[in-house]
Amino acid sequence: DSRPISAPRDEPSGEVPLCDQEDETIDHILVSCVFARQFWFRFLGQVNLQNLSPQPDAHSFIDWWRLASVAIGGLTEKGLNSLIILGAWVLWNHRNRCVFDGTSPSLPAILVQAEEERYLWELAGAKGVSFLTAPLHVDSFSDAMTGSDTIGDYWGDAPMSMLPIYKELIAAGLRIWVFSGDTDAVVPLTSTRYSIDALGLPTTASWYPWYDNKQVGGWSQVYKGLTLVTVRGAGHKVPLHRPRQALILFQHFLHGISMPNVPQNGTIV
């Protein structure tokens, strides 16, 4: 809609609150505004659809939406439509906060709000976004991070102990590797070893050092049905602290090969 927005009685008319431009219209707020274009690029980029975000020559929200929907089609179109409806609502809500509450435009804040709204929409039964996230087997999308408060706040189905699950998986013949950084202060290695000992599994290879490029990379112990591997000098997030050693560990797991117990070069299989 290109019609100007009437100012409320207690608010003087003036510049667009999101970009300080004149002649505020719904189309400008949703697609033409620089702030809006930045929002759509980041928001759609979270599901790799940033190429569909409004371009500088976009001046009609409905026309842009129609072109974006036609560009993809299929089930993905349903997910995109849900995102565009949600994004438009969040933009409008953010604009109103700037007008009525005196807040300043904030791209990080509106992206956080968009993620929160998406979560609430799905709780209410709006599953359109799942057409975009389901192929990735994820229930959420956001910028990459090393930890998530959202997961910590809402994840409530974690079992008290993984040991019964380990027993079921071992009985089913699945191969299990448990790894730990030996400087992990969140889940200490000592506690992990006590937990594994509680399973009462027979030992097939006793505690031994494994090597990476003639240096001790960590230690390992092999049980019947389970392998424990530690990574020297790594904390709670092993790949973050010791990426090379984490890769060696992962490759050996994929190949079903125990960690190398002889100092040598080129231990990456």
Foldseek 3Di string as FASTA:
>chain_A
DQQADDDDPVADAAAQQQARHPRDDLQCLCAQPPLNQVLLLQQVVLLPLSVLGHDNPRRGPVVSLVVSLVVPDDLVSLLVVVLSVLSSVLSVVQSVCCRPVVDHDDSVVSSVVSQVVVVVCVVVPSCSNCSRVVVVVDDGTDPDDPDDVVCVVPVDPDDPDCLVVLVVCLVVVHAEEAEFECAAPVCHPVNVVVSVVVNVFAWPADWAFFDEQQHGQFIWTDTNRYIYTYGYPAYGPRCVGPVVSVQQVVQCVVVVHDGHRDNDYPSRD
